Amino acid sequence: MVFKVTQHSRDAELLKHMAEHLSCGRVEYRKGEACDYTVTALKDIKHKIIPLFNAFPLLGSKALNFKDFKKSRRDYGK
C-alpha cells in the first residue's frame, strides 16, 4: 500500500513541509521535473493520512479515488 502525491519539482518544498508536518513519508525526486511525497508505512497511512483527508475532504474524482483507497486499505489488512 502506498500513498503518493506528485507535484512539479518547483513544489518540492511544499512536499517537504507535508512530510515534516505529518512526521511520516519522504520526498522522492524523479528524473525530469516531478517529485513525489510517498508514505508506505501502514500505521502512518491509517493514523495520519486517512484522518487528515477525513477531516479535510477531497472534492470531485479525487474524493472517489480516496474512497477506493480507504476501502483497499481495509481489504489489505485482512
PDB file of N, CA and C in Angstrom:
ATOM      1  N   MET A   1       0.852  -1.158   0.000  1.00  0.00           N
ATOM      2  CA  MET A   1       0.000   0.000   0.000  1.00  0.00           C
ATOM      3  C   MET A   1       0.905   1.230   0.000  1.00  0.00           C
ATOM      4  N   VAL A   2       0.601   2.157  -0.880  1.00  0.00           N
ATOM      5  CA  VAL A   2       1.387   3.385  -0.998  1.00  0.00           C
ATOM      6  C   VAL A   2       0.440   4.565  -1.152  1.00  0.00           C
ATOM      7  N   PHE A   3       0.704   5.619  -0.394  1.00  0.00           N
ATOM      8  CA  PHE A   3       0.035   6.896  -0.591  1.00  0.00           C
ATOM      9  C   PHE A   3       1.057   7.809  -1.242  1.00  0.00           C
ATOM     10  N   LYS A   4       0.674   8.424  -2.374  1.00  0.00           N
ATOM     11  CA  LYS A   4       1.637   9.239  -3.109  1.00  0.00           C
ATOM     12  C   LYS A   4       0.964  10.492  -3.650  1.00  0.00           C
ATOM     13  N   VAL A   5       1.643  11.627  -3.474  1.00  0.00           N
ATOM     14  CA  VAL A   5       1.234  12.901  -4.058  1.00  0.00           C
ATOM     15  C   VAL A   5       2.362  13.353  -4.966  1.00  0.00           C
ATOM     16  N   THR A   6       2.040  13.652  -6.221  1.00  0.00           N
ATOM     17  CA  THR A   6       3.046  14.071  -7.199  1.00  0.00           C
ATOM     18  C   THR A   6       2.855  15.551  -7.525  1.00  0.00           C
ATOM     19  N   GLN A   7       3.962  16.262  -7.568  1.00  0.00           N
ATOM     20  CA  GLN A   7       3.954  17.684  -7.894  1.00  0.00           C
ATOM     21  C   GLN A   7       5.138  17.997  -8.812  1.00  0.00           C
ATOM     22  N   HIS A   8       5.076  19.149  -9.430  1.00  0.00           N
ATOM     23  CA  HIS A   8       6.219  19.653 -10.192  1.00  0.00           C
ATOM     24  C   HIS A   8       7.369  19.861  -9.212  1.00  0.00           C
ATOM     25  N   SER A   9       8.584  19.689  -9.678  1.00  0.00           N
ATOM     26  CA  SER A   9       9.746  19.807  -8.783  1.00  0.00           C
ATOM     27  C   SER A   9       9.857  21.190  -8.140  1.00  0.00           C
ATOM     28  N   ARG A  10       9.274  22.215  -8.745  1.00  0.00           N
ATOM     29  CA  ARG A  10       9.314  23.550  -8.123  1.00  0.00           C
ATOM     30  C   ARG A  10       8.519  23.584  -6.814  1.00  0.00           C
ATOM     31  N   ASP A  11       7.647  22.577  -6.601  1.00  0.00           N
ATOM     32  CA  ASP A  11       6.848  22.494  -5.379  1.00  0.00           C
ATOM     33  C   ASP A  11       7.413  21.505  -4.370  1.00  0.00           C
ATOM     34  N   ALA A  12       8.670  21.134  -4.516  1.00  0.00           N
ATOM     35  CA  ALA A  12       9.291  20.168  -3.610  1.00  0.00           C
ATOM     36  C   ALA A  12       9.254  20.648  -2.162  1.00  0.00           C
ATOM     37  N   GLU A  13       9.408  21.951  -1.945  1.00  0.00           N
ATOM     38  CA  GLU A  13       9.371  22.478  -0.571  1.00  0.00           C
ATOM     39  C   GLU A  13       8.015  22.210   0.081  1.00  0.00           C
ATOM     40  N   LEU A  14       6.945  22.330  -0.680  1.00  0.00           N
ATOM     41  CA  LEU A  14       5.613  22.027  -0.163  1.00  0.00           C
ATOM     42  C   LEU A  14       5.546  20.578   0.300  1.00  0.00           C
ATOM     43  N   LEU A  15       6.054  19.676  -0.512  1.00  0.00           N
ATOM     44  CA  LEU A  15       6.039  18.263  -0.151  1.00  0.00           C
ATOM     45  C   LEU A  15       6.911  17.989   1.066  1.00  0.00           C
ATOM     46  N   LYS A  16       8.041  18.669   1.164  1.00  0.00           N
ATOM     47  CA  LYS A  16       8.903  18.517   2.343  1.00  0.00           C
ATOM     48  C   LYS A  16       8.176  18.971   3.605  1.00  0.00           C
ATOM     49  N   HIS A  17       7.435  20.060   3.496  1.00  0.00           N
ATOM     50  CA  HIS A  17       6.665  20.543   4.650  1.00  0.00           C
ATOM     51  C   HIS A  17       5.565  19.559   5.040  1.00  0.00           C
ATOM     52  N   MET A  18       4.954  18.917   4.050  1.00  0.00           N
ATOM     53  CA  MET A  18       3.959  17.887   4.362  1.00  0.00           C
ATOM     54  C   MET A  18       4.593  16.763   5.163  1.00  0.00           C
ATOM     55  N   ALA A  19       5.755  16.297   4.711  1.00  0.00           N
ATOM     56  CA  ALA A  19       6.441  15.208   5.408  1.00  0.00           C
ATOM     57  C   ALA A  19       6.810  15.609   6.829  1.00  0.00           C
ATOM     58  N   GLU A  20       7.283  16.833   6.995  1.00  0.00           N
ATOM     59  CA  GLU A  20       7.642  17.320   8.325  1.00  0.00           C
ATOM     60  C   GLU A  20       6.414  17.473   9.210  1.00  0.00           C
ATOM     61  N   HIS A  21       5.366  18.067   8.684  1.00  0.00           N
ATOM     62  CA  HIS A  21       4.151  18.314   9.466  1.00  0.00           C
ATOM     63  C   HIS A  21       3.501  17.007   9.916  1.00  0.00           C
ATOM     64  N   LEU A  22       3.472  16.023   9.027  1.00  0.00           N
ATOM     65  CA  LEU A  22       2.838  14.746   9.347  1.00  0.00           C
ATOM     66  C   LEU A  22       3.793  13.767  10.027  1.00  0.00           C
ATOM     67  N   SER A  23       5.074  14.106  10.073  1.00  0.00           N
ATOM     68  CA  SER A  23       6.093  13.230  10.677  1.00  0.00           C
ATOM     69  C   SER A  23       6.069  11.828  10.074  1.00  0.00           C
ATOM     70  N   CYS A  24       5.911  11.791   8.763  1.00  0.00           N
ATOM     71  CA  CYS A  24       5.963  10.499   8.075  1.00  0.00           C
ATOM     72  C   CYS A  24       6.214  10.736   6.596  1.00  0.00           C
ATOM     73  N   GLY A  25       6.607   9.682   5.924  1.00  0.00           N
ATOM     74  CA  GLY A  25       6.811   9.749   4.487  1.00  0.00           C
ATOM     75  C   GLY A  25       8.142  10.372   4.107  1.00  0.00           C
ATOM     76  N   ARG A  26       8.316  10.481   2.794  1.00  0.00           N
ATOM     77  CA  ARG A  26       9.562  11.020   2.256  1.00  0.00           C
ATOM     78  C   ARG A  26       9.269  11.690   0.917  1.00  0.00           C
ATOM     79  N   VAL A  27      10.169  12.565   0.527  1.00  0.00           N
ATOM     80  CA  VAL A  27      10.071  13.214  -0.775  1.00  0.00           C
ATOM     81  C   VAL A  27      11.063  12.521  -1.700  1.00  0.00           C
ATOM     82  N   GLU A  28      10.585  12.086  -2.846  1.00  0.00           N
ATOM     83  CA  GLU A  28      11.414  11.393  -3.834  1.00  0.00           C
ATOM     84  C   GLU A  28      11.427  12.227  -5.105  1.00  0.00           C
ATOM     85  N   TYR A  29      12.595  12.401  -5.669  1.00  0.00           N
ATOM     86  CA  TYR A  29      12.737  13.176  -6.899  1.00  0.00           C
ATOM     87  C   TYR A  29      12.800  12.232  -8.085  1.00  0.00           C
ATOM     88  N   ARG A  30      12.029  12.530  -9.105  1.00  0.00           N
ATOM     89  CA  ARG A  30      12.031  11.750 -10.341  1.00  0.00           C
ATOM     90  C   ARG A  30      12.977  12.409 -11.340  1.00  0.00           C
ATOM     91  N   LYS A  31      13.316  11.660 -12.368  1.00  0.00           N
ATOM     92  CA  LYS A  31      14.034  12.279 -13.484  1.00  0.00           C
ATOM     93  C   LYS A  31      13.052  13.230 -14.151  1.00  0.00           C
ATOM     94  N   GLY A  32      13.537  14.347 -14.594  1.00  0.00           N
ATOM     95  CA  GLY A  32      12.648  15.328 -15.202  1.00  0.00           C
ATOM     96  C   GLY A  32      12.234  16.370 -14.190  1.00  0.00           C
ATOM     97  N   GLU A  33      10.983  16.752 -14.225  1.00  0.00           N
ATOM     98  CA  GLU A  33      10.535  17.881 -13.415  1.00  0.00           C
ATOM     99  C   GLU A  33       9.443  17.516 -12.419  1.00  0.00           C
ATOM    100  N   ALA A  34       9.497  16.336 -11.847  1.00  0.00           N
ATOM    101  CA  ALA A  34       8.472  15.921 -10.900  1.00  0.00           C
ATOM    102  C   ALA A  34       9.108  15.363  -9.632  1.00  0.00           C
ATOM    103  N   CYS A  35       8.337  15.426  -8.551  1.00  0.00           N
ATOM    104  CA  CYS A  35       8.741  14.804  -7.294  1.00  0.00           C
ATOM    105  C   CYS A  35       7.486  14.275  -6.610  1.00  0.00           C
ATOM    106  N   ASP A  36       7.687  13.340  -5.696  1.00  0.00           N
ATOM    107  CA  ASP A  36       6.579  12.676  -5.013  1.00  0.00           C
ATOM    108  C   ASP A  36       6.758  12.766  -3.505  1.00  0.00           C
ATOM    109  N   TYR A  37       5.637  12.930  -2.812  1.00  0.00           N
ATOM    110  CA  TYR A  37       5.589  12.709  -1.369  1.00  0.00           C
ATOM    111  C   TYR A  37       5.007  11.311  -1.225  1.00  0.00           C
ATOM    112  N   THR A  38       5.758  10.391  -0.623  1.00  0.00           N
ATOM    113  CA  THR A  38       5.381   8.986  -0.562  1.00  0.00           C
ATOM    114  C   THR A  38       5.333   8.507   0.885  1.00  0.00           C
ATOM    115  N   VAL A  39       4.224   7.828   1.224  1.00  0.00           N
ATOM    116  CA  VAL A  39       4.073   7.203   2.541  1.00  0.00           C
ATOM    117  C   VAL A  39       3.773   5.731   2.299  1.00  0.00           C
ATOM    118  N   THR A  40       4.576   4.848   2.896  1.00  0.00           N
ATOM    119  CA  THR A  40       4.369   3.411   2.723  1.00  0.00           C
ATOM    120  C   THR A  40       4.056   2.683   4.029  1.00  0.00           C
ATOM    121  N   ALA A  41       4.333   3.299   5.164  1.00  0.00           N
ATOM    122  CA  ALA A  41       4.075   2.643   6.452  1.00  0.00           C
ATOM    123  C   ALA A  41       2.562   2.591   6.697  1.00  0.00           C
ATOM    124  N   LEU A  42       2.028   1.385   6.840  1.00  0.00           N
ATOM    125  CA  LEU A  42       0.588   1.228   7.019  1.00  0.00           C
ATOM    126  C   LEU A  42       0.075   1.972   8.243  1.00  0.00           C
ATOM    127  N   LYS A  43       0.867   1.980   9.317  1.00  0.00           N
ATOM    128  CA  LYS A  43       0.402   2.679  10.524  1.00  0.00           C
ATOM    129  C   LYS A  43       0.297   4.181  10.276  1.00  0.00           C
ATOM    130  N   ASP A  44       1.191   4.745   9.470  1.00  0.00           N
ATOM    131  CA  ASP A  44       1.112   6.163   9.145  1.00  0.00           C
ATOM    132  C   ASP A  44      -0.069   6.465   8.228  1.00  0.00           C
ATOM    133  N   ILE A  45      -0.326   5.567   7.287  1.00  0.00           N
ATOM    134  CA  ILE A  45      -1.482   5.747   6.408  1.00  0.00           C
ATOM    135  C   ILE A  45      -2.767   5.698   7.238  1.00  0.00           C
ATOM    136  N   LYS A  46      -2.841   4.730   8.141  1.00  0.00           N
ATOM    137  CA  LYS A  46      -4.044   4.550   8.957  1.00  0.00           C
ATOM    138  C   LYS A  46      -4.243   5.678   9.964  1.00  0.00           C
ATOM    139  N   HIS A  47      -3.172   6.107  10.631  1.00  0.00           N
ATOM    140  CA  HIS A  47      -3.312   7.045  11.742  1.00  0.00           C
ATOM    141  C   HIS A  47      -3.050   8.506  11.389  1.00  0.00           C
ATOM    142  N   LYS A  48      -2.474   8.769  10.222  1.00  0.00           N
ATOM    143  CA  LYS A  48      -2.151  10.153   9.858  1.00  0.00           C
ATOM    144  C   LYS A  48      -2.795  10.588   8.542  1.00  0.00           C
ATOM    145  N   ILE A  49      -2.612   9.810   7.488  1.00  0.00           N
ATOM    146  CA  ILE A  49      -3.086  10.207   6.164  1.00  0.00           C
ATOM    147  C   ILE A  49      -4.603  10.136   6.067  1.00  0.00           C
ATOM    148  N   ILE A  50      -5.187   8.999   6.398  1.00  0.00           N
ATOM    149  CA  ILE A  50      -6.642   8.851   6.291  1.00  0.00           C
ATOM    150  C   ILE A  50      -7.379   9.833   7.198  1.00  0.00           C
ATOM    151  N   PRO A  51      -6.985   9.998   8.470  1.00  0.00           N
ATOM    152  CA  PRO A  51      -7.672  11.004   9.290  1.00  0.00           C
ATOM    153  C   PRO A  51      -7.556  12.428   8.747  1.00  0.00           C
ATOM    154  N   LEU A  52      -6.416  12.752   8.136  1.00  0.00           N
ATOM    155  CA  LEU A  52      -6.241  14.089   7.558  1.00  0.00           C
ATOM    156  C   LEU A  52      -7.279  14.346   6.467  1.00  0.00           C
ATOM    157  N   PHE A  53      -7.424  13.383   5.562  1.00  0.00           N
ATOM    158  CA  PHE A  53      -8.362  13.576   4.455  1.00  0.00           C
ATOM    159  C   PHE A  53      -9.807  13.322   4.853  1.00  0.00           C
ATOM    160  N   ASN A  54     -10.045  12.652   5.979  1.00  0.00           N
ATOM    161  CA  ASN A  54     -11.399  12.590   6.520  1.00  0.00           C
ATOM    162  C   ASN A  54     -11.794  13.947   7.092  1.00  0.00           C
ATOM    163  N   ALA A  55     -10.849  14.618   7.733  1.00  0.00           N
ATOM    164  CA  ALA A  55     -11.114  15.931   8.328  1.00  0.00           C
ATOM    165  C   ALA A  55     -11.217  17.032   7.274  1.00  0.00           C
ATOM    166  N   PHE A  56     -10.438  16.901   6.205  1.00  0.00           N
ATOM    167  CA  PHE A  56     -10.408  17.894   5.130  1.00  0.00           C
ATOM    168  C   PHE A  56     -10.677  17.169   3.812  1.00  0.00           C
ATOM    169  N   PRO A  57     -11.942  16.885   3.518  1.00  0.00           N
ATOM    170  CA  PRO A  57     -12.291  16.032   2.379  1.00  0.00           C
ATOM    171  C   PRO A  57     -11.857  16.594   1.027  1.00  0.00           C
ATOM    172  N   LEU A  58     -11.501  15.668   0.169  1.00  0.00           N
ATOM    173  CA  LEU A  58     -11.211  15.991  -1.222  1.00  0.00           C
ATOM    174  C   LEU A  58     -12.528  16.180  -1.965  1.00  0.00           C
ATOM    175  N   LEU A  59     -12.449  16.791  -3.138  1.00  0.00           N
ATOM    176  CA  LEU A  59     -13.640  17.029  -3.952  1.00  0.00           C
ATOM    177  C   LEU A  59     -13.495  16.342  -5.304  1.00  0.00           C
ATOM    178  N   GLY A  60     -14.609  16.122  -5.961  1.00  0.00           N
ATOM    179  CA  GLY A  60     -14.607  15.593  -7.316  1.00  0.00           C
ATOM    180  C   GLY A  60     -14.098  14.168  -7.400  1.00  0.00           C
ATOM    181  N   SER A  61     -13.425  13.866  -8.507  1.00  0.00           N
ATOM    182  CA  SER A  61     -12.960  12.497  -8.746  1.00  0.00           C
ATOM    183  C   SER A  61     -11.921  12.055  -7.720  1.00  0.00           C
ATOM    184  N   LYS A  62     -11.178  13.001  -7.143  1.00  0.00           N
ATOM    185  CA  LYS A  62     -10.187  12.636  -6.120  1.00  0.00           C
ATOM    186  C   LYS A  62     -10.879  12.081  -4.878  1.00  0.00           C
ATOM    187  N   ALA A  63     -12.086  12.572  -4.574  1.00  0.00           N
ATOM    188  CA  ALA A  63     -12.843  12.042  -3.439  1.00  0.00           C
ATOM    189  C   ALA A  63     -13.203  10.579  -3.683  1.00  0.00           C
ATOM    190  N   LEU A  64     -13.567  10.252  -4.914  1.00  0.00           N
ATOM    191  CA  LEU A  64     -13.881   8.859  -5.247  1.00  0.00           C
ATOM    192  C   LEU A  64     -12.630   7.993  -5.174  1.00  0.00           C
ATOM    193  N   ASN A  65     -11.509   8.526  -5.634  1.00  0.00           N
ATOM    194  CA  ASN A  65     -10.244   7.785  -5.528  1.00  0.00           C
ATOM    195  C   ASN A  65      -9.896   7.516  -4.073  1.00  0.00           C
ATOM    196  N   PHE A  66     -10.101   8.508  -3.207  1.00  0.00           N
ATOM    197  CA  PHE A  66      -9.792   8.349  -1.788  1.00  0.00           C
ATOM    198  C   PHE A  66     -10.711   7.308  -1.143  1.00  0.00           C
ATOM    199  N   LYS A  67     -11.976   7.308  -1.537  1.00  0.00           N
ATOM    200  CA  LYS A  67     -12.906   6.308  -1.016  1.00  0.00           C
ATOM    201  C   LYS A  67     -12.418   4.899  -1.370  1.00  0.00           C
ATOM    202  N   ASP A  68     -11.987   4.705  -2.613  1.00  0.00           N
ATOM    203  CA  ASP A  68     -11.437   3.407  -3.025  1.00  0.00           C
ATOM    204  C   ASP A  68     -10.150   3.088  -2.271  1.00  0.00           C
ATOM    205  N   PHE A  69      -9.308   4.107  -2.065  1.00  0.00           N
ATOM    206  CA  PHE A  69      -8.062   3.927  -1.325  1.00  0.00           C
ATOM    207  C   PHE A  69      -8.347   3.425   0.086  1.00  0.00           C
ATOM    208  N   LYS A  70      -9.308   4.043   0.774  1.00  0.00           N
ATOM    209  CA  LYS A  70      -9.651   3.611   2.134  1.00  0.00           C
ATOM    210  C   LYS A  70     -10.178   2.180   2.126  1.00  0.00           C
ATOM    211  N   LYS A  71     -11.006   1.853   1.144  1.00  0.00           N
ATOM    212  CA  LYS A  71     -11.552   0.501   1.062  1.00  0.00           C
ATOM    213  C   LYS A  71     -10.436  -0.513   0.830  1.00  0.00           C
ATOM    214  N   SER A  72      -9.499  -0.200  -0.049  1.00  0.00           N
ATOM    215  CA  SER A  72      -8.407  -1.133  -0.326  1.00  0.00           C
ATOM    216  C   SER A  72      -7.527  -1.325   0.898  1.00  0.00           C
ATOM    217  N   ARG A  73      -7.355  -0.269   1.700  1.00  0.00           N
ATOM    218  CA  ARG A  73      -6.563  -0.392   2.915  1.00  0.00           C
ATOM    219  C   ARG A  73      -7.232  -1.382   3.869  1.00  0.00           C
ATOM    220  N   ARG A  74      -8.546  -1.304   3.992  1.00  0.00           N
ATOM    221  CA  ARG A  74      -9.263  -2.247   4.855  1.00  0.00           C
ATOM    222  C   ARG A  74      -9.103  -3.675   4.326  1.00  0.00           C
ATOM    223  N   ASP A  75      -9.240  -3.828   3.001  1.00  0.00           N
ATOM    224  CA  ASP A  75      -9.102  -5.153   2.404  1.00  0.00           C
ATOM    225  C   ASP A  75      -7.689  -5.689   2.554  1.00  0.00           C
ATOM    226  N   TYR A  76      -6.698  -4.803   2.430  1.00  0.00           N
ATOM    227  CA  TYR A  76      -5.292  -5.189   2.519  1.00  0.00           C
ATOM    228  C   TYR A  76      -4.967  -5.734   3.905  1.00  0.00           C
ATOM    229  N   GLY A  77      -5.609  -5.187   4.935  1.00  0.00           N
ATOM    230  CA  GLY A  77      -5.316  -5.577   6.307  1.00  0.00           C
ATOM    231  C   GLY A  77      -5.932  -6.897   6.712  1.00  0.00           C
ATOM    232  N   LYS A  78      -6.811  -7.466   5.895  1.00  0.00           N
ATOM    233  CA  LYS A  78      -7.477  -8.734   6.251  1.00  0.00           C
ATOM    234  C   LYS A  78      -6.584  -9.914   6.002  1.00  0.00           C
TER     235      LYS A  78
END
